[in-house]
Amino acid sequence: MHSILVTLTMAILARGALADCTFYGKKCQWVGTAPFCGRHADHGGHLGIDPPHQGWLTATDTEDEDIDELFDRKGEEFRNCRNDYGSGCWTGYKALYCEPSK
């Protein structure tokens, strides 16, 4: 029973870690693992939510808005990334990083 709980917990924590989404035609990725998501380094946080790839830029984050509020504000173009968000954060927040314009 203990190993099942550990496996389930790890699966929940890993959700979204490798998921990519598309926002305005750009490949993007949520960074920050629920339930303890972290903070940007320049906000006094740790490196846990730094860009997944060199040169990627922050498109948005859930520091001041939850995922549903972001969707309401950003609209239909955000649906794919909203669906890839995964579980919410108990502490910290997630950041959405996207590849730079080509």
PDB file of N, CA and C in Angstrom:
ATOM      1  N   MET A   1       0.825  -1.194   0.000  1.00  0.00           N
ATOM      2  CA  MET A   1       0.000   0.000   0.000  1.00  0.00           C
ATOM      3  C   MET A   1       0.871   1.259   0.000  1.00  0.00           C
ATOM      4  N   HIS A   2       1.940   1.232   0.787  1.00  0.00           N
ATOM      5  CA  HIS A   2       2.828   2.388   0.871  1.00  0.00           C
ATOM      6  C   HIS A   2       3.441   2.702  -0.490  1.00  0.00           C
ATOM      7  N   SER A   3       3.866   1.677  -1.223  1.00  0.00           N
ATOM      8  CA  SER A   3       4.494   1.914  -2.524  1.00  0.00           C
ATOM      9  C   SER A   3       3.491   2.477  -3.532  1.00  0.00           C
ATOM     10  N   ILE A   4       2.233   2.105  -3.421  1.00  0.00           N
ATOM     11  CA  ILE A   4       1.209   2.652  -4.307  1.00  0.00           C
ATOM     12  C   ILE A   4       1.029   4.142  -4.033  1.00  0.00           C
ATOM     13  N   LEU A   5       1.000   4.526  -2.759  1.00  0.00           N
ATOM     14  CA  LEU A   5       0.866   5.937  -2.410  1.00  0.00           C
ATOM     15  C   LEU A   5       2.059   6.743  -2.896  1.00  0.00           C
ATOM     16  N   VAL A   6       3.253   6.202  -2.748  1.00  0.00           N
ATOM     17  CA  VAL A   6       4.458   6.890  -3.213  1.00  0.00           C
ATOM     18  C   VAL A   6       4.412   7.058  -4.725  1.00  0.00           C
ATOM     19  N   THR A   7       4.049   6.007  -5.437  1.00  0.00           N
ATOM     20  CA  THR A   7       3.965   6.067  -6.896  1.00  0.00           C
ATOM     21  C   THR A   7       2.915   7.077  -7.342  1.00  0.00           C
ATOM     22  N   LEU A   8       1.757   7.064  -6.706  1.00  0.00           N
ATOM     23  CA  LEU A   8       0.696   8.004  -7.044  1.00  0.00           C
ATOM     24  C   LEU A   8       1.133   9.442  -6.775  1.00  0.00           C
ATOM     25  N   THR A   9       1.767   9.678  -5.644  1.00  0.00           N
ATOM     26  CA  THR A   9       2.253  11.010  -5.306  1.00  0.00           C
ATOM     27  C   THR A   9       3.261  11.500  -6.330  1.00  0.00           C
ATOM     28  N   MET A  10       4.190  10.646  -6.717  1.00  0.00           N
ATOM     29  CA  MET A  10       5.205  11.034  -7.704  1.00  0.00           C
ATOM     30  C   MET A  10       4.563  11.333  -9.056  1.00  0.00           C
ATOM     31  N   ALA A  11       3.564  10.576  -9.434  1.00  0.00           N
ATOM     32  CA  ALA A  11       2.877  10.816 -10.705  1.00  0.00           C
ATOM     33  C   ALA A  11       2.166  12.167 -10.691  1.00  0.00           C
ATOM     34  N   ILE A  12       1.553  12.502  -9.573  1.00  0.00           N
ATOM     35  CA  ILE A  12       0.871  13.786  -9.448  1.00  0.00           C
ATOM     36  C   ILE A  12       1.875  14.924  -9.497  1.00  0.00           C
ATOM     37  N   LEU A  13       2.988  14.773  -8.792  1.00  0.00           N
ATOM     38  CA  LEU A  13       4.001  15.822  -8.773  1.00  0.00           C
ATOM     39  C   LEU A  13       4.648  16.017 -10.131  1.00  0.00           C
ATOM     40  N   ALA A  14       4.778  14.957 -10.890  1.00  0.00           N
ATOM     41  CA  ALA A  14       5.443  15.043 -12.194  1.00  0.00           C
ATOM     42  C   ALA A  14       4.519  15.577 -13.281  1.00  0.00           C
ATOM     43  N   ARG A  15       3.222  15.600 -13.062  1.00  0.00           N
ATOM     44  CA  ARG A  15       2.266  16.047 -14.079  1.00  0.00           C
ATOM     45  C   ARG A  15       2.610  17.447 -14.555  1.00  0.00           C
ATOM     46  N   GLY A  16       2.728  17.595 -15.837  1.00  0.00           N
ATOM     47  CA  GLY A  16       3.006  18.905 -16.399  1.00  0.00           C
ATOM     48  C   GLY A  16       4.478  19.213 -16.542  1.00  0.00           C
ATOM     49  N   ALA A  17       5.343  18.429 -15.921  1.00  0.00           N
ATOM     50  CA  ALA A  17       6.767  18.719 -15.976  1.00  0.00           C
ATOM     51  C   ALA A  17       7.315  18.626 -17.389  1.00  0.00           C
ATOM     52  N   LEU A  18       6.765  17.746 -18.207  1.00  0.00           N
ATOM     53  CA  LEU A  18       7.261  17.559 -19.560  1.00  0.00           C
ATOM     54  C   LEU A  18       6.269  18.033 -20.616  1.00  0.00           C
ATOM     55  N   ALA A  19       5.142  18.549 -20.203  1.00  0.00           N
ATOM     56  CA  ALA A  19       4.094  18.916 -21.148  1.00  0.00           C
ATOM     57  C   ALA A  19       4.409  20.239 -21.837  1.00  0.00           C
ATOM     58  N   ASP A  20       4.208  20.257 -23.142  1.00  0.00           N
ATOM     59  CA  ASP A  20       4.326  21.481 -23.920  1.00  0.00           C
ATOM     60  C   ASP A  20       2.934  21.887 -24.370  1.00  0.00           C
ATOM     61  N   CYS A  21       2.747  23.164 -24.571  1.00  0.00           N
ATOM     62  CA  CYS A  21       1.493  23.667 -25.107  1.00  0.00           C
ATOM     63  C   CYS A  21       1.817  24.738 -26.136  1.00  0.00           C
ATOM     64  N   THR A  22       0.790  25.226 -26.807  1.00  0.00           N
ATOM     65  CA  THR A  22       0.969  26.258 -27.823  1.00  0.00           C
ATOM     66  C   THR A  22       0.157  27.481 -27.430  1.00  0.00           C
ATOM     67  N   PHE A  23       0.808  28.639 -27.456  1.00  0.00           N
ATOM     68  CA  PHE A  23       0.159  29.903 -27.124  1.00  0.00           C
ATOM     69  C   PHE A  23       0.551  30.915 -28.194  1.00  0.00           C
ATOM     70  N   TYR A  24      -0.425  31.394 -28.942  1.00  0.00           N
ATOM     71  CA  TYR A  24      -0.183  32.287 -30.078  1.00  0.00           C
ATOM     72  C   TYR A  24       0.873  31.726 -31.025  1.00  0.00           C
ATOM     73  N   GLY A  25       0.780  30.431 -31.290  1.00  0.00           N
ATOM     74  CA  GLY A  25       1.662  29.780 -32.250  1.00  0.00           C
ATOM     75  C   GLY A  25       3.059  29.478 -31.751  1.00  0.00           C
ATOM     76  N   LYS A  26       3.336  29.759 -30.487  1.00  0.00           N
ATOM     77  CA  LYS A  26       4.660  29.493 -29.921  1.00  0.00           C
ATOM     78  C   LYS A  26       4.609  28.271 -29.015  1.00  0.00           C
ATOM     79  N   LYS A  27       5.661  27.481 -29.039  1.00  0.00           N
ATOM     80  CA  LYS A  27       5.790  26.338 -28.144  1.00  0.00           C
ATOM     81  C   LYS A  27       6.097  26.870 -26.745  1.00  0.00           C
ATOM     82  N   CYS A  28       5.324  26.407 -25.769  1.00  0.00           N
ATOM     83  CA  CYS A  28       5.461  26.892 -24.395  1.00  0.00           C
ATOM     84  C   CYS A  28       5.495  25.719 -23.422  1.00  0.00           C
ATOM     85  N   GLN A  29       5.901  26.006 -22.195  1.00  0.00           N
ATOM     86  CA  GLN A  29       5.983  24.975 -21.168  1.00  0.00           C
ATOM     87  C   GLN A  29       5.771  25.604 -19.797  1.00  0.00           C
ATOM     88  N   TRP A  30       4.893  24.968 -19.006  1.00  0.00           N
ATOM     89  CA  TRP A  30       4.702  25.382 -17.619  1.00  0.00           C
ATOM     90  C   TRP A  30       5.884  24.895 -16.795  1.00  0.00           C
ATOM     91  N   VAL A  31       6.379  25.751 -15.924  1.00  0.00           N
ATOM     92  CA  VAL A  31       7.475  25.381 -15.035  1.00  0.00           C
ATOM     93  C   VAL A  31       7.023  25.656 -13.609  1.00  0.00           C
ATOM     94  N   GLY A  32       7.271  24.696 -12.739  1.00  0.00           N
ATOM     95  CA  GLY A  32       6.813  24.737 -11.358  1.00  0.00           C
ATOM     96  C   GLY A  32       5.994  23.485 -11.121  1.00  0.00           C
ATOM     97  N   THR A  33       6.335  22.745 -10.096  1.00  0.00           N
ATOM     98  CA  THR A  33       5.696  21.457  -9.856  1.00  0.00           C
ATOM     99  C   THR A  33       4.815  21.526  -8.616  1.00  0.00           C
ATOM    100  N   ALA A  34       3.526  21.282  -8.815  1.00  0.00           N
ATOM    101  CA  ALA A  34       2.579  21.271  -7.700  1.00  0.00           C
ATOM    102  C   ALA A  34       2.893  20.099  -6.769  1.00  0.00           C
ATOM    103  N   PRO A  35       2.631  20.233  -5.509  1.00  0.00           N
ATOM    104  CA  PRO A  35       1.914  21.337  -4.886  1.00  0.00           C
ATOM    105  C   PRO A  35       2.820  22.477  -4.406  1.00  0.00           C
ATOM    106  N   PHE A  36       4.130  22.276  -4.421  1.00  0.00           N
ATOM    107  CA  PHE A  36       5.070  23.297  -3.937  1.00  0.00           C
ATOM    108  C   PHE A  36       5.798  23.863  -5.146  1.00  0.00           C
ATOM    109  N   CYS A  37       5.241  24.892  -5.751  1.00  0.00           N
ATOM    110  CA  CYS A  37       5.642  25.306  -7.096  1.00  0.00           C
ATOM    111  C   CYS A  37       6.879  26.187  -7.179  1.00  0.00           C
ATOM    112  N   GLY A  38       7.191  26.950  -6.171  1.00  0.00           N
ATOM    113  CA  GLY A  38       8.381  27.795  -6.227  1.00  0.00           C
ATOM    114  C   GLY A  38       8.073  29.211  -6.674  1.00  0.00           C
ATOM    115  N   ARG A  39       9.144  29.964  -6.894  1.00  0.00           N
ATOM    116  CA  ARG A  39       9.043  31.369  -7.303  1.00  0.00           C
ATOM    117  C   ARG A  39      10.181  31.674  -8.261  1.00  0.00           C
ATOM    118  N   HIS A  40      10.014  32.750  -9.033  1.00  0.00           N
ATOM    119  CA  HIS A  40      11.100  33.204  -9.896  1.00  0.00           C
ATOM    120  C   HIS A  40      12.289  33.600  -9.018  1.00  0.00           C
ATOM    121  N   ALA A  41      13.490  33.383  -9.488  1.00  0.00           N
ATOM    122  CA  ALA A  41      14.688  33.730  -8.725  1.00  0.00           C
ATOM    123  C   ALA A  41      14.719  35.218  -8.386  1.00  0.00           C
ATOM    124  N   ASP A  42      14.252  36.078  -9.297  1.00  0.00           N
ATOM    125  CA  ASP A  42      14.280  37.517  -9.030  1.00  0.00           C
ATOM    126  C   ASP A  42      13.174  37.967  -8.076  1.00  0.00           C
ATOM    127  N   HIS A  43      12.342  37.041  -7.624  1.00  0.00           N
ATOM    128  CA  HIS A  43      11.325  37.334  -6.612  1.00  0.00           C
ATOM    129  C   HIS A  43      11.701  36.682  -5.282  1.00  0.00           C
ATOM    130  N   GLY A  44      12.979  36.432  -5.086  1.00  0.00           N
ATOM    131  CA  GLY A  44      13.447  35.837  -3.848  1.00  0.00           C
ATOM    132  C   GLY A  44      13.244  34.343  -3.774  1.00  0.00           C
ATOM    133  N   GLY A  45      12.971  33.731  -4.899  1.00  0.00           N
ATOM    134  CA  GLY A  45      12.716  32.295  -4.918  1.00  0.00           C
ATOM    135  C   GLY A  45      13.949  31.492  -5.271  1.00  0.00           C
ATOM    136  N   HIS A  46      13.719  30.231  -5.541  1.00  0.00           N
ATOM    137  CA  HIS A  46      14.804  29.334  -5.923  1.00  0.00           C
ATOM    138  C   HIS A  46      14.778  29.156  -7.431  1.00  0.00           C
ATOM    139  N   LEU A  47      15.676  28.373  -7.951  1.00  0.00           N
ATOM    140  CA  LEU A  47      15.788  28.202  -9.393  1.00  0.00           C
ATOM    141  C   LEU A  47      14.775  27.222  -9.955  1.00  0.00           C
ATOM    142  N   GLY A  48      13.818  26.806  -9.158  1.00  0.00           N
ATOM    143  CA  GLY A  48      12.860  25.797  -9.578  1.00  0.00           C
ATOM    144  C   GLY A  48      11.939  26.204 -10.713  1.00  0.00           C
ATOM    145  N   ILE A  49      11.773  27.483 -10.966  1.00  0.00           N
ATOM    146  CA  ILE A  49      10.915  27.864 -12.082  1.00  0.00           C
ATOM    147  C   ILE A  49      11.638  28.797 -13.047  1.00  0.00           C
ATOM    148  N   ASP A  50      12.891  28.532 -13.280  1.00  0.00           N
ATOM    149  CA  ASP A  50      13.636  29.250 -14.308  1.00  0.00           C
ATOM    150  C   ASP A  50      13.285  28.675 -15.672  1.00  0.00           C
ATOM    151  N   PRO A  51      13.610  29.379 -16.760  1.00  0.00           N
ATOM    152  CA  PRO A  51      13.236  28.912 -18.100  1.00  0.00           C
ATOM    153  C   PRO A  51      13.685  27.482 -18.373  1.00  0.00           C
ATOM    154  N   PRO A  52      12.834  26.696 -19.047  1.00  0.00           N
ATOM    155  CA  PRO A  52      13.191  25.316 -19.358  1.00  0.00           C
ATOM    156  C   PRO A  52      14.242  25.225 -20.455  1.00  0.00           C
ATOM    157  N   HIS A  53      14.357  26.278 -21.264  1.00  0.00           N
ATOM    158  CA  HIS A  53      15.328  26.304 -22.354  1.00  0.00           C
ATOM    159  C   HIS A  53      15.932  27.699 -22.424  1.00  0.00           C
ATOM    160  N   GLN A  54      17.200  27.770 -22.752  1.00  0.00           N
ATOM    161  CA  GLN A  54      17.873  29.060 -22.848  1.00  0.00           C
ATOM    162  C   GLN A  54      17.163  29.942 -23.874  1.00  0.00           C
ATOM    163  N   GLY A  55      16.927  31.172 -23.507  1.00  0.00           N
ATOM    164  CA  GLY A  55      16.297  32.125 -24.406  1.00  0.00           C
ATOM    165  C   GLY A  55      14.781  32.180 -24.331  1.00  0.00           C
ATOM    166  N   TRP A  56      14.156  31.202 -23.670  1.00  0.00           N
ATOM    167  CA  TRP A  56      12.697  31.238 -23.545  1.00  0.00           C
ATOM    168  C   TRP A  56      12.306  32.374 -22.610  1.00  0.00           C
ATOM    169  N   LEU A  57      11.150  32.973 -22.854  1.00  0.00           N
ATOM    170  CA  LEU A  57      10.694  34.126 -22.100  1.00  0.00           C
ATOM    171  C   LEU A  57       9.418  33.810 -21.330  1.00  0.00           C
ATOM    172  N   THR A  58       9.225  34.502 -20.207  1.00  0.00           N
ATOM    173  CA  THR A  58       8.010  34.318 -19.421  1.00  0.00           C
ATOM    174  C   THR A  58       6.827  34.918 -20.168  1.00  0.00           C
ATOM    175  N   ALA A  59       5.816  34.107 -20.433  1.00  0.00           N
ATOM    176  CA  ALA A  59       4.592  34.591 -21.076  1.00  0.00           C
ATOM    177  C   ALA A  59       3.590  35.047 -20.021  1.00  0.00           C
ATOM    178  N   THR A  60       3.514  34.303 -18.917  1.00  0.00           N
ATOM    179  CA  THR A  60       2.610  34.639 -17.823  1.00  0.00           C
ATOM    180  C   THR A  60       2.946  33.738 -16.644  1.00  0.00           C
ATOM    181  N   ASP A  61       2.320  33.993 -15.518  1.00  0.00           N
ATOM    182  CA  ASP A  61       2.467  33.103 -14.362  1.00  0.00           C
ATOM    183  C   ASP A  61       1.211  33.197 -13.510  1.00  0.00           C
ATOM    184  N   THR A  62       1.139  32.330 -12.522  1.00  0.00           N
ATOM    185  CA  THR A  62      -0.033  32.307 -11.642  1.00  0.00           C
ATOM    186  C   THR A  62       0.276  32.927 -10.280  1.00  0.00           C
ATOM    187  N   GLU A  63       1.217  33.870 -10.264  1.00  0.00           N
ATOM    188  CA  GLU A  63       1.557  34.528  -9.005  1.00  0.00           C
ATOM    189  C   GLU A  63       0.380  35.356  -8.474  1.00  0.00           C
ATOM    190  N   ASP A  64      -0.276  36.108  -9.341  1.00  0.00           N
ATOM    191  CA  ASP A  64      -1.351  37.007  -8.910  1.00  0.00           C
ATOM    192  C   ASP A  64      -2.742  36.594  -9.379  1.00  0.00           C
ATOM    193  N   GLU A  65      -2.818  35.600 -10.266  1.00  0.00           N
ATOM    194  CA  GLU A  65      -4.098  35.121 -10.787  1.00  0.00           C
ATOM    195  C   GLU A  65      -4.058  33.604 -10.847  1.00  0.00           C
ATOM    196  N   ASP A  66      -5.199  32.965 -10.601  1.00  0.00           N
ATOM    197  CA  ASP A  66      -5.217  31.516 -10.779  1.00  0.00           C
ATOM    198  C   ASP A  66      -5.423  31.195 -12.259  1.00  0.00           C
ATOM    199  N   ILE A  67      -5.335  29.940 -12.604  1.00  0.00           N
ATOM    200  CA  ILE A  67      -5.366  29.525 -14.003  1.00  0.00           C
ATOM    201  C   ILE A  67      -6.685  29.903 -14.684  1.00  0.00           C
ATOM    202  N   ASP A  68      -7.795  29.835 -13.966  1.00  0.00           N
ATOM    203  CA  ASP A  68      -9.087  30.199 -14.558  1.00  0.00           C
ATOM    204  C   ASP A  68      -9.187  31.700 -14.826  1.00  0.00           C
ATOM    205  N   GLU A  69      -8.644  32.511 -13.927  1.00  0.00           N
ATOM    206  CA  GLU A  69      -8.624  33.960 -14.157  1.00  0.00           C
ATOM    207  C   GLU A  69      -7.751  34.303 -15.364  1.00  0.00           C
ATOM    208  N   LEU A  70      -6.618  33.616 -15.495  1.00  0.00           N
ATOM    209  CA  LEU A  70      -5.763  33.834 -16.664  1.00  0.00           C
ATOM    210  C   LEU A  70      -6.505  33.487 -17.948  1.00  0.00           C
ATOM    211  N   PHE A  71      -7.208  32.361 -17.944  1.00  0.00           N
ATOM    212  CA  PHE A  71      -7.955  31.955 -19.132  1.00  0.00           C
ATOM    213  C   PHE A  71      -9.030  32.987 -19.473  1.00  0.00           C
ATOM    214  N   ASP A  72      -9.749  33.466 -18.462  1.00  0.00           N
ATOM    215  CA  ASP A  72     -10.783  34.475 -18.705  1.00  0.00           C
ATOM    216  C   ASP A  72     -10.185  35.730 -19.343  1.00  0.00           C
ATOM    217  N   ARG A  73      -8.998  36.107 -18.904  1.00  0.00           N
ATOM    218  CA  ARG A  73      -8.359  37.329 -19.410  1.00  0.00           C
ATOM    219  C   ARG A  73      -7.699  37.110 -20.770  1.00  0.00           C
ATOM    220  N   LYS A  74      -7.064  35.960 -20.964  1.00  0.00           N
ATOM    221  CA  LYS A  74      -6.288  35.723 -22.187  1.00  0.00           C
ATOM    222  C   LYS A  74      -7.111  35.124 -23.319  1.00  0.00           C
ATOM    223  N   GLY A  75      -8.217  34.487 -22.999  1.00  0.00           N
ATOM    224  CA  GLY A  75      -9.121  34.005 -24.030  1.00  0.00           C
ATOM    225  C   GLY A  75      -8.759  32.662 -24.637  1.00  0.00           C
ATOM    226  N   GLU A  76      -9.411  32.401 -25.744  1.00  0.00           N
ATOM    227  CA  GLU A  76      -9.364  31.083 -26.385  1.00  0.00           C
ATOM    228  C   GLU A  76      -7.950  30.655 -26.794  1.00  0.00           C
ATOM    229  N   GLU A  77      -7.081  31.594 -27.165  1.00  0.00           N
ATOM    230  CA  GLU A  77      -5.699  31.254 -27.536  1.00  0.00           C
ATOM    231  C   GLU A  77      -4.963  30.557 -26.385  1.00  0.00           C
ATOM    232  N   PHE A  78      -5.448  30.751 -25.169  1.00  0.00           N
ATOM    233  CA  PHE A  78      -4.792  30.220 -23.971  1.00  0.00           C
ATOM    234  C   PHE A  78      -5.301  28.833 -23.590  1.00  0.00           C
ATOM    235  N   ARG A  79      -6.355  28.344 -24.257  1.00  0.00           N
ATOM    236  CA  ARG A  79      -6.992  27.084 -23.859  1.00  0.00           C
ATOM    237  C   ARG A  79      -6.004  25.921 -23.802  1.00  0.00           C
ATOM    238  N   ASN A  80      -5.153  25.769 -24.797  1.00  0.00           N
ATOM    239  CA  ASN A  80      -4.215  24.653 -24.846  1.00  0.00           C
ATOM    240  C   ASN A  80      -3.285  24.664 -23.629  1.00  0.00           C
ATOM    241  N   CYS A  81      -2.786  25.836 -23.270  1.00  0.00           N
ATOM    242  CA  CYS A  81      -1.890  25.929 -22.112  1.00  0.00           C
ATOM    243  C   CYS A  81      -2.657  25.801 -20.799  1.00  0.00           C
ATOM    244  N   ARG A  82      -3.891  26.269 -20.778  1.00  0.00           N
ATOM    245  CA  ARG A  82      -4.721  26.068 -19.579  1.00  0.00           C
ATOM    246  C   ARG A  82      -4.912  24.574 -19.329  1.00  0.00           C
ATOM    247  N   ASN A  83      -5.179  23.819 -20.389  1.00  0.00           N
ATOM    248  CA  ASN A  83      -5.395  22.381 -20.247  1.00  0.00           C
ATOM    249  C   ASN A  83      -4.138  21.648 -19.792  1.00  0.00           C
ATOM    250  N   ASP A  84      -2.961  22.163 -20.099  1.00  0.00           N
ATOM    251  CA  ASP A  84      -1.699  21.533 -19.709  1.00  0.00           C
ATOM    252  C   ASP A  84      -1.190  21.994 -18.345  1.00  0.00           C
ATOM    253  N   TYR A  85      -1.900  22.898 -17.695  1.00  0.00           N
ATOM    254  CA  TYR A  85      -1.435  23.478 -16.434  1.00  0.00           C
ATOM    255  C   TYR A  85      -1.232  22.439 -15.336  1.00  0.00           C
ATOM    256  N   GLY A  86      -2.094  21.460 -15.266  1.00  0.00           N
ATOM    257  CA  GLY A  86      -1.980  20.437 -14.229  1.00  0.00           C
ATOM    258  C   GLY A  86      -2.562  20.903 -12.908  1.00  0.00           C
ATOM    259  N   SER A  87      -2.025  20.378 -11.821  1.00  0.00           N
ATOM    260  CA  SER A  87      -2.534  20.678 -10.480  1.00  0.00           C
ATOM    261  C   SER A  87      -2.110  22.065 -10.030  1.00  0.00           C
ATOM    262  N   GLY A  88      -2.934  22.654  -9.163  1.00  0.00           N
ATOM    263  CA  GLY A  88      -2.634  23.968  -8.616  1.00  0.00           C
ATOM    264  C   GLY A  88      -1.561  23.914  -7.539  1.00  0.00           C
ATOM    265  N   CYS A  89      -1.086  25.073  -7.165  1.00  0.00           N
ATOM    266  CA  CYS A  89       0.010  25.204  -6.197  1.00  0.00           C
ATOM    267  C   CYS A  89      -0.525  25.483  -4.796  1.00  0.00           C
ATOM    268  N   TRP A  90       0.061  24.845  -3.813  1.00  0.00           N
ATOM    269  CA  TRP A  90      -0.214  25.178  -2.413  1.00  0.00           C
ATOM    270  C   TRP A  90       0.669  26.343  -2.001  1.00  0.00           C
ATOM    271  N   THR A  91       1.905  26.336  -2.484  1.00  0.00           N
ATOM    272  CA  THR A  91       2.832  27.434  -2.232  1.00  0.00           C
ATOM    273  C   THR A  91       3.470  27.828  -3.554  1.00  0.00           C
ATOM    274  N   GLY A  92       3.865  29.079  -3.656  1.00  0.00           N
ATOM    275  CA  GLY A  92       4.495  29.554  -4.884  1.00  0.00           C
ATOM    276  C   GLY A  92       3.505  29.606  -6.034  1.00  0.00           C
ATOM    277  N   TYR A  93       4.029  29.492  -7.241  1.00  0.00           N
ATOM    278  CA  TYR A  93       3.197  29.579  -8.432  1.00  0.00           C
ATOM    279  C   TYR A  93       3.936  28.953  -9.600  1.00  0.00           C
ATOM    280  N   LYS A  94       3.230  28.765 -10.705  1.00  0.00           N
ATOM    281  CA  LYS A  94       3.835  28.248 -11.926  1.00  0.00           C
ATOM    282  C   LYS A  94       4.043  29.397 -12.906  1.00  0.00           C
ATOM    283  N   ALA A  95       5.033  29.239 -13.768  1.00  0.00           N
ATOM    284  CA  ALA A  95       5.300  30.224 -14.817  1.00  0.00           C
ATOM    285  C   ALA A  95       5.224  29.532 -16.172  1.00  0.00           C
ATOM    286  N   LEU A  96       4.640  30.219 -17.142  1.00  0.00           N
ATOM    287  CA  LEU A  96       4.572  29.711 -18.508  1.00  0.00           C
ATOM    288  C   LEU A  96       5.668  30.387 -19.314  1.00  0.00           C
ATOM    289  N   TYR A  97       6.610  29.586 -19.789  1.00  0.00           N
ATOM    290  CA  TYR A  97       7.697  30.089 -20.632  1.00  0.00           C
ATOM    291  C   TYR A  97       7.440  29.672 -22.068  1.00  0.00           C
ATOM    292  N   CYS A  98       7.744  30.573 -23.002  1.00  0.00           N
ATOM    293  CA  CYS A  98       7.546  30.287 -24.425  1.00  0.00           C
ATOM    294  C   CYS A  98       8.822  30.582 -25.200  1.00  0.00           C
ATOM    295  N   GLU A  99       8.963  29.862 -26.310  1.00  0.00           N
ATOM    296  CA  GLU A  99      10.116  30.090 -27.170  1.00  0.00           C
ATOM    297  C   GLU A  99      10.056  31.519 -27.706  1.00  0.00           C
ATOM    298  N   PRO A 100      11.212  32.104 -27.990  1.00  0.00           N
ATOM    299  CA  PRO A 100      11.216  33.470 -28.515  1.00  0.00           C
ATOM    300  C   PRO A 100      10.686  33.510 -29.948  1.00  0.00           C
ATOM    301  N   SER A 101      10.275  34.676 -30.375  1.00  0.00           N
ATOM    302  CA  SER A 101       9.838  34.847 -31.764  1.00  0.00           C
ATOM    303  C   SER A 101      11.012  34.592 -32.690  1.00  0.00           C
ATOM    304  N   LYS A 102      10.693  33.994 -33.836  1.00  0.00           N
ATOM    305  CA  LYS A 102      11.766  33.664 -34.778  1.00  0.00           C
ATOM    306  C   LYS A 102      11.973  34.763 -35.780  1.00  0.00           C
TER     307      LYS A 102
END
